Amino acid sequence: MYLKKHLLIVCLLFIFIACKDELKLSFSEVNISTSHNNLVEVNIPNATGNKDITDQINSRITKHIIASLHIGEPGHITSKSIKESITLFNKEFQSFETDFPESTEQWEAQIDGEVLFHSLEIISIAITSYVNTGGAHGTLNIAFLNFETKTGNLIVNNKLFKDIEGFKKVAKIYFNKAIKDEEIILDDPNIFKLPSNIAYTEEGIVLLYNTYEIAAYSTGIIEFTIPFEDIDSLLYFNNF
């Protein structure tokens, strides 16, 4: 009987180790470009490991980059790859030069990604996009993408919390401090809302409001971090 129990424990241990190995993911930075490309630079994290999981993560990152480089109506995206999007971006600029030969405006696009947090439960990735197609100034946008480590599925913001209303109460305190320190004037100072971008970091949960999200362009990006010790009981995912 002892031998059977011992063998069972050993088998379960091997299964556990095998499962952990399957979930091991790593990230490396990749630079993506095309021939005759002088306008677009893309440096993003690429997930490797369990293919079912990494395909989900890399596919979602790719979709975001394609959308960031798209020129025109959001609903008319035709690119199937980042390289195709880079090629189309360059072609659009060539068409612009043909239509407006007297213009001296130069187009550019810079997209950089980084892994903010990586645990056995959750992965948070930030993608910063700066796109300039002429005009007074380019467009800067930062997006946070959160993924379940075990599946690679994208996590919507309200699924990050066990108690989202409780989180809002804590977030409002930190938000008020952030705008007070920066002397920020809001579009509507009586309305607090969570931003579109929320992510895990080593220090805590970061909240980021992009330009125009709640204030004028001159305000720029509003960002602050809530330490884990203030909100651990409100979070759905562990921070280790």
Protein backbone atom coordinates (compact mmCIF):
# COMPACT_ATOMS: atom_id res chain seq x y z
CA MET A 1 0.00 0.00 0.00
CA TYR A 2 2.85 2.39 0.88
CA LEU A 3 4.53 1.66 -2.46
CA LYS A 4 1.31 2.40 -4.38
CA LYS A 5 0.89 5.71 -2.55
CA HIS A 6 4.52 6.59 -3.22
CA LEU A 7 4.14 5.82 -6.94
CA LEU A 8 0.94 7.87 -7.08
CA ILE A 9 2.66 10.90 -5.52
CA VAL A 10 5.58 10.58 -7.95
CA CYS A 11 3.19 10.35 -10.93
CA LEU A 12 1.22 13.37 -9.77
CA LEU A 13 4.46 15.30 -9.31
CA PHE A 14 5.57 14.52 -12.86
CA ILE A 15 2.14 15.57 -14.19
CA PHE A 16 2.34 18.83 -12.22
CA ILE A 17 5.84 19.58 -13.54
CA ALA A 18 4.76 18.73 -17.09
CA CYS A 19 1.77 21.06 -16.82
CA LYS A 20 3.99 23.87 -15.50
CA ASP A 21 6.42 23.34 -18.37
CA GLU A 22 3.57 23.56 -20.87
CA LEU A 23 2.57 26.91 -19.42
CA LYS A 24 6.09 28.33 -19.51
CA LEU A 25 6.11 31.38 -21.74
CA SER A 26 8.91 33.74 -22.62
CA PHE A 27 9.05 36.98 -24.54
CA SER A 28 11.65 38.46 -26.86
CA GLU A 29 11.61 41.77 -28.69
CA VAL A 30 11.20 41.58 -32.45
CA ASN A 31 11.67 44.31 -35.01
CA ILE A 32 9.30 44.15 -37.97
CA SER A 33 9.92 46.00 -41.22
CA THR A 34 9.77 45.61 -44.99
CA SER A 35 11.96 46.47 -47.94
CA HIS A 36 11.80 50.12 -49.01
CA ASN A 37 10.29 51.10 -45.65
CA ASN A 38 11.55 54.43 -44.34
CA LEU A 39 8.51 55.54 -42.36
CA VAL A 40 7.50 52.83 -39.90
CA GLU A 41 9.36 51.25 -37.01
CA VAL A 42 7.80 48.41 -35.02
CA ASN A 43 9.43 46.83 -31.96
CA ILE A 44 7.11 44.53 -30.06
CA PRO A 45 7.24 41.53 -27.70
CA ASN A 46 6.82 38.10 -29.25
CA ALA A 47 5.61 35.24 -27.05
CA THR A 48 7.16 31.79 -27.37
CA GLY A 49 6.32 28.55 -25.60
CA ASN A 50 3.02 26.67 -25.63
CA LYS A 51 1.77 27.31 -29.18
CA ASP A 52 -1.94 27.36 -28.33
CA ILE A 53 -1.28 30.10 -25.78
CA THR A 54 1.33 32.12 -27.64
CA ASP A 55 -0.71 32.14 -30.85
CA GLN A 56 -3.54 33.84 -28.94
CA ILE A 57 -1.25 36.47 -27.44
CA ASN A 58 0.76 37.21 -30.60
CA SER A 59 -2.39 37.34 -32.72
CA ARG A 60 -3.99 39.92 -30.44
CA ILE A 61 -0.84 42.06 -30.43
CA THR A 62 -0.70 41.83 -34.24
CA LYS A 63 -4.32 42.95 -34.57
CA HIS A 64 -3.61 45.96 -32.39
CA ILE A 65 -0.57 46.98 -34.46
CA ILE A 66 -2.50 46.58 -37.72
CA ALA A 67 -5.28 48.81 -36.36
CA SER A 68 -2.73 51.41 -35.19
CA LEU A 69 -1.17 51.66 -38.66
CA HIS A 70 -4.47 51.71 -40.53
CA ILE A 71 -5.38 54.91 -42.35
CA GLY A 72 -9.04 55.46 -43.05
CA GLU A 73 -12.27 54.17 -41.55
CA PRO A 74 -11.69 51.69 -38.67
CA GLY A 75 -14.21 49.27 -40.11
CA HIS A 76 -12.34 48.93 -43.41
CA ILE A 77 -9.11 47.28 -42.28
CA THR A 78 -7.86 44.89 -44.97
CA SER A 79 -4.32 44.07 -43.80
CA LYS A 80 -3.66 40.51 -42.67
CA SER A 81 -0.17 41.09 -41.27
CA ILE A 82 1.97 43.82 -39.77
CA LYS A 83 4.26 43.79 -42.82
CA GLU A 84 1.28 44.34 -45.09
CA SER A 85 0.21 47.28 -42.91
CA ILE A 86 3.70 48.78 -43.11
CA THR A 87 3.64 48.46 -46.91
CA LEU A 88 0.21 50.10 -47.12
CA PHE A 89 1.30 52.94 -44.82
CA ASN A 90 4.23 53.69 -47.14
CA LYS A 91 1.97 53.50 -50.20
CA GLU A 92 -0.47 55.95 -48.62
CA PHE A 93 2.36 58.41 -48.10
CA GLN A 94 3.49 57.98 -51.72
CA SER A 95 -0.07 58.76 -52.84
CA PHE A 96 -0.09 61.81 -50.57
CA GLU A 97 3.16 63.04 -52.14
CA THR A 98 1.67 62.55 -55.62
CA ASP A 99 -1.51 64.44 -54.73
CA PHE A 100 0.29 67.24 -52.87
CA PRO A 101 3.76 67.61 -54.48
CA GLU A 102 4.25 71.03 -52.88
CA SER A 103 3.87 69.65 -49.35
CA THR A 104 6.97 69.20 -47.18
CA GLU A 105 5.19 67.14 -44.53
CA GLN A 106 6.75 63.83 -43.59
CA TRP A 107 4.83 60.86 -42.24
CA GLU A 108 6.11 58.51 -39.58
CA ALA A 109 4.95 55.73 -37.27
CA GLN A 110 6.74 54.38 -34.21
CA ILE A 111 5.28 51.43 -32.29
CA ASP A 112 6.95 49.94 -29.23
CA GLY A 113 5.73 47.23 -26.90
CA GLU A 114 6.91 45.95 -23.53
CA VAL A 115 5.88 43.32 -21.00
CA LEU A 116 4.83 45.14 -17.84
CA PHE A 117 4.03 42.07 -15.75
CA HIS A 118 4.27 38.30 -16.13
CA SER A 119 3.05 35.80 -13.53
CA LEU A 120 1.52 32.33 -13.52
CA GLU A 121 -1.92 33.94 -13.76
CA ILE A 122 -1.70 37.13 -15.78
CA ILE A 123 0.45 38.89 -18.38
CA SER A 124 0.19 42.65 -18.94
CA ILE A 125 1.65 44.23 -22.08
CA ALA A 126 1.88 47.92 -23.00
CA ILE A 127 1.95 49.09 -26.61
CA THR A 128 2.89 52.69 -27.35
CA SER A 129 1.98 54.01 -30.80
CA TYR A 130 2.95 57.33 -32.28
CA VAL A 131 1.57 57.97 -35.76
CA ASN A 132 2.01 61.20 -37.70
CA THR A 133 0.33 61.64 -41.08
CA GLY A 134 0.74 65.40 -41.25
CA GLY A 135 -1.21 68.07 -39.46
CA ALA A 136 -0.36 70.04 -36.35
CA HIS A 137 0.85 67.04 -34.38
CA GLY A 138 0.92 63.27 -34.45
CA THR A 139 -1.21 60.93 -32.39
CA LEU A 140 0.24 59.24 -29.32
CA ASN A 141 -1.68 56.31 -27.87
CA ILE A 142 -0.79 53.81 -25.16
CA ALA A 143 -2.76 50.58 -24.88
CA PHE A 144 -2.61 47.93 -22.17
CA LEU A 145 -3.41 44.33 -23.08
CA ASN A 146 -3.98 41.80 -20.29
CA PHE A 147 -3.88 38.05 -20.95
CA GLU A 148 -4.62 34.93 -18.94
CA THR A 149 -1.31 33.08 -18.71
CA LYS A 150 -2.96 29.64 -18.81
CA THR A 151 -5.01 30.29 -21.95
CA GLY A 152 -3.66 33.38 -23.71
CA ASN A 153 -7.17 34.82 -23.70
CA LEU A 154 -7.54 38.59 -23.54
CA ILE A 155 -8.97 39.83 -20.23
CA VAL A 156 -11.48 42.68 -20.33
CA ASN A 157 -11.03 45.26 -17.60
CA ASN A 158 -14.03 44.38 -15.45
CA LYS A 159 -12.77 40.78 -15.22
CA LEU A 160 -9.62 41.98 -13.45
CA PHE A 161 -11.54 42.57 -10.24
CA LYS A 162 -13.56 40.61 -7.70
CA ASP A 163 -15.13 43.86 -6.53
CA ILE A 164 -15.01 46.52 -9.20
CA GLU A 165 -17.10 49.02 -7.21
CA GLY A 166 -14.70 48.68 -4.29
CA PHE A 167 -11.80 49.21 -6.67
CA LYS A 168 -13.41 52.35 -8.08
CA LYS A 169 -13.61 53.86 -4.58
CA VAL A 170 -9.89 53.31 -4.00
CA ALA A 171 -8.99 54.42 -7.55
CA LYS A 172 -10.90 57.68 -7.12
CA ILE A 173 -8.72 58.61 -4.14
CA TYR A 174 -5.53 58.09 -6.14
CA PHE A 175 -7.07 59.77 -9.19
CA ASN A 176 -7.95 62.92 -7.21
CA LYS A 177 -4.40 63.07 -5.86
CA ALA A 178 -2.93 62.66 -9.36
CA ILE A 179 -4.95 65.47 -10.91
CA LYS A 180 -4.35 67.72 -7.90
CA ASP A 181 -0.58 67.25 -8.07
CA GLU A 182 -0.59 68.06 -11.79
CA GLU A 183 -3.23 70.82 -11.56
CA ILE A 184 -5.27 69.11 -14.26
CA ILE A 185 -8.56 70.60 -15.42
CA LEU A 186 -11.05 67.88 -16.41
CA ASP A 187 -13.75 68.07 -19.05
CA ASP A 188 -16.25 67.28 -16.28
CA PRO A 189 -14.73 67.42 -12.76
CA ASN A 190 -17.85 65.86 -11.21
CA ILE A 191 -17.59 62.57 -13.09
CA PHE A 192 -15.01 59.91 -12.27
CA LYS A 193 -14.62 56.87 -14.49
CA LEU A 194 -12.04 54.15 -14.83
CA PRO A 195 -9.77 54.53 -17.87
CA SER A 196 -9.73 52.25 -20.89
CA ASN A 197 -6.23 51.12 -19.89
CA ILE A 198 -5.61 49.22 -16.66
CA ALA A 199 -2.71 46.81 -16.14
CA TYR A 200 -0.59 44.95 -13.63
CA THR A 201 2.97 46.11 -12.92
CA GLU A 202 5.55 45.05 -10.33
CA GLU A 203 4.54 48.03 -8.16
CA GLY A 204 0.75 47.65 -8.38
CA ILE A 205 -2.15 48.35 -10.71
CA VAL A 206 -1.48 51.17 -13.17
CA LEU A 207 -4.32 53.27 -14.59
CA LEU A 208 -3.70 55.37 -17.69
CA TYR A 209 -5.90 57.93 -19.42
CA ASN A 210 -4.82 58.75 -22.97
CA THR A 211 -4.94 62.25 -24.41
CA TYR A 212 -8.53 63.50 -24.83
CA GLU A 213 -9.95 60.64 -22.73
CA ILE A 214 -11.01 62.89 -19.85
CA ALA A 215 -9.21 66.19 -20.42
CA ALA A 216 -7.98 68.58 -23.11
CA TYR A 217 -5.07 67.73 -25.43
CA SER A 218 -2.75 70.08 -23.56
CA THR A 219 -3.16 67.93 -20.43
CA GLY A 220 -1.49 64.97 -22.08
CA ILE A 221 -1.52 61.51 -20.54
CA ILE A 222 -2.70 61.00 -16.96
CA GLU A 223 -1.17 57.97 -15.24
CA PHE A 224 -0.92 56.69 -11.66
CA THR A 225 -0.30 53.42 -9.83
CA ILE A 226 -2.22 51.92 -6.90
CA PRO A 227 -0.01 49.71 -4.68
CA PHE A 228 -1.08 46.07 -4.37
CA GLU A 229 -1.35 46.26 -0.59
CA ASP A 230 -4.25 48.72 -0.92
CA ILE A 231 -6.30 46.55 -3.29
CA ASP A 232 -5.17 42.89 -3.01
CA SER A 233 -8.56 41.70 -1.76
CA LEU A 234 -10.30 43.39 -4.71
CA LEU A 235 -8.25 41.73 -7.45
CA TYR A 236 -9.25 38.59 -9.30
CA PHE A 237 -5.68 37.63 -10.23
CA ASN A 238 -2.81 37.15 -7.81
CA ASN A 239 0.20 39.44 -8.13
CA PHE A 240 2.81 36.69 -7.82
